[in-house]
Amino acid sequence: MTTELKSELEIDLEILSLRREVQRLERNLRLERERAKRPKGRLSELIGIGRGVYGTPEQIDTYRQEVRDSWN
């Protein structure tokens, strides 16, 4: 192989590698854009926004004690 041919092959391989990297980055960008469209797409964003089942902390304690007592 001549030096010129080898350098052309190396350039072609580098171009292919860069194209794959660009495709990967574009795919990640599309995924991030889709995720940004969903306002509450992550569990950590959902915590605390739902309506609770219990109206007061006392109701929660009562339920918790009933469950604990049922174990005995």
C-alpha atoms as a PDB file:
ATOM      1  CA  MET A   1       0.000   0.000   0.000  1.00  0.00           C
ATOM      2  CA  THR A   2       1.254   3.391  -0.807  1.00  0.00           C
ATOM      3  CA  THR A   3       1.337   6.109   1.796  1.00  0.00           C
ATOM      4  CA  GLU A   4      -1.172   8.117  -0.192  1.00  0.00           C
ATOM      5  CA  LEU A   5      -3.659   5.242  -0.375  1.00  0.00           C
ATOM      6  CA  LYS A   6      -3.218   4.465   3.305  1.00  0.00           C
ATOM      7  CA  SER A   7      -3.872   8.044   4.289  1.00  0.00           C
ATOM      8  CA  GLU A   8      -7.028   8.061   2.124  1.00  0.00           C
ATOM      9  CA  LEU A   9      -8.238   4.924   3.907  1.00  0.00           C
ATOM     10  CA  GLU A  10      -7.503   6.461   7.287  1.00  0.00           C
ATOM     11  CA  ILE A  11      -9.410   9.577   6.281  1.00  0.00           C
ATOM     12  CA  ASP A  12     -12.383   7.474   5.125  1.00  0.00           C
ATOM     13  CA  LEU A  13     -12.384   5.544   8.404  1.00  0.00           C
ATOM     14  CA  GLU A  14     -12.262   8.758  10.380  1.00  0.00           C
ATOM     15  CA  ILE A  15     -15.166  10.152   8.357  1.00  0.00           C
ATOM     16  CA  LEU A  16     -17.218   7.011   9.049  1.00  0.00           C
ATOM     17  CA  SER A  17     -16.410   7.232  12.721  1.00  0.00           C
ATOM     18  CA  LEU A  18     -17.404  10.892  12.847  1.00  0.00           C
ATOM     19  CA  ARG A  19     -20.662  10.153  11.012  1.00  0.00           C
ATOM     20  CA  ARG A  20     -21.538   7.501  13.591  1.00  0.00           C
ATOM     21  CA  GLU A  21     -20.781   9.962  16.373  1.00  0.00           C
ATOM     22  CA  VAL A  22     -22.967  12.620  14.744  1.00  0.00           C
ATOM     23  CA  GLN A  23     -25.813  10.098  14.402  1.00  0.00           C
ATOM     24  CA  ARG A  24     -25.473   9.158  18.071  1.00  0.00           C
ATOM     25  CA  LEU A  25     -25.521  12.814  19.123  1.00  0.00           C
ATOM     26  CA  GLU A  26     -28.549  13.550  16.923  1.00  0.00           C
ATOM     27  CA  ARG A  27     -30.406  10.584  18.418  1.00  0.00           C
ATOM     28  CA  ASN A  28     -29.620  11.790  21.942  1.00  0.00           C
ATOM     29  CA  LEU A  29     -30.749  15.294  21.047  1.00  0.00           C
ATOM     30  CA  ARG A  30     -34.072  13.965  19.708  1.00  0.00           C
ATOM     31  CA  LEU A  31     -34.594  11.989  22.916  1.00  0.00           C
ATOM     32  CA  GLU A  32     -33.852  15.029  25.071  1.00  0.00           C
ATOM     33  CA  ARG A  33     -36.270  17.163  23.036  1.00  0.00           C
ATOM     34  CA  GLU A  34     -38.996  14.533  23.468  1.00  0.00           C
ATOM     35  CA  ARG A  35     -38.325  14.377  27.198  1.00  0.00           C
ATOM     36  CA  ALA A  36     -38.528  18.180  27.432  1.00  0.00           C
ATOM     37  CA  LYS A  37     -41.975  18.105  25.771  1.00  0.00           C
ATOM     38  CA  ARG A  38     -43.321  15.926  28.587  1.00  0.00           C
ATOM     39  CA  PRO A  39     -43.654  18.255  31.572  1.00  0.00           C
ATOM     40  CA  LYS A  40     -43.597  15.524  34.200  1.00  0.00           C
ATOM     41  CA  GLY A  41     -41.661  12.737  32.578  1.00  0.00           C
ATOM     42  CA  ARG A  42     -39.521  11.740  35.541  1.00  0.00           C
ATOM     43  CA  LEU A  43     -40.599  10.205  38.816  1.00  0.00           C
ATOM     44  CA  SER A  44     -38.751  12.825  40.847  1.00  0.00           C
ATOM     45  CA  GLU A  45     -40.840  15.507  39.127  1.00  0.00           C
ATOM     46  CA  LEU A  46     -44.080  13.735  40.050  1.00  0.00           C
ATOM     47  CA  ILE A  47     -43.408  13.469  43.782  1.00  0.00           C
ATOM     48  CA  GLY A  48     -45.661  15.740  45.790  1.00  0.00           C
ATOM     49  CA  ILE A  49     -47.988  16.878  43.003  1.00  0.00           C
ATOM     50  CA  GLY A  50     -50.710  14.265  43.431  1.00  0.00           C
ATOM     51  CA  ARG A  51     -53.771  14.572  45.629  1.00  0.00           C
ATOM     52  CA  GLY A  52     -53.333  12.564  48.791  1.00  0.00           C
ATOM     53  CA  VAL A  53     -55.640   9.828  49.997  1.00  0.00           C
ATOM     54  CA  TYR A  54     -55.606  11.096  53.563  1.00  0.00           C
ATOM     55  CA  GLY A  55     -56.770  14.520  54.636  1.00  0.00           C
ATOM     56  CA  THR A  56     -54.677  14.914  57.776  1.00  0.00           C
ATOM     57  CA  PRO A  57     -51.510  13.520  59.305  1.00  0.00           C
ATOM     58  CA  GLU A  58     -53.669  11.991  62.037  1.00  0.00           C
ATOM     59  CA  GLN A  59     -55.531   9.883  59.474  1.00  0.00           C
ATOM     60  CA  ILE A  60     -52.216   8.645  58.133  1.00  0.00           C
ATOM     61  CA  ASP A  61     -51.030   7.726  61.625  1.00  0.00           C
ATOM     62  CA  THR A  62     -54.284   5.901  62.350  1.00  0.00           C
ATOM     63  CA  TYR A  63     -53.995   3.858  59.172  1.00  0.00           C
ATOM     64  CA  ARG A  64     -50.326   3.098  59.795  1.00  0.00           C
ATOM     65  CA  GLN A  65     -51.080   1.930  63.338  1.00  0.00           C
ATOM     66  CA  GLU A  66     -53.925  -0.282  62.105  1.00  0.00           C
ATOM     67  CA  VAL A  67     -51.634  -1.923  59.565  1.00  0.00           C
ATOM     68  CA  ARG A  68     -48.898  -2.389  62.148  1.00  0.00           C
ATOM     69  CA  ASP A  69     -51.361  -3.897  64.618  1.00  0.00           C
ATOM     70  CA  SER A  70     -52.651  -6.325  61.994  1.00  0.00           C
ATOM     71  CA  TRP A  71     -49.178  -7.843  61.783  1.00  0.00           C
ATOM     72  CA  ASN A  72     -49.367  -9.108  65.386  1.00  0.00           C
END
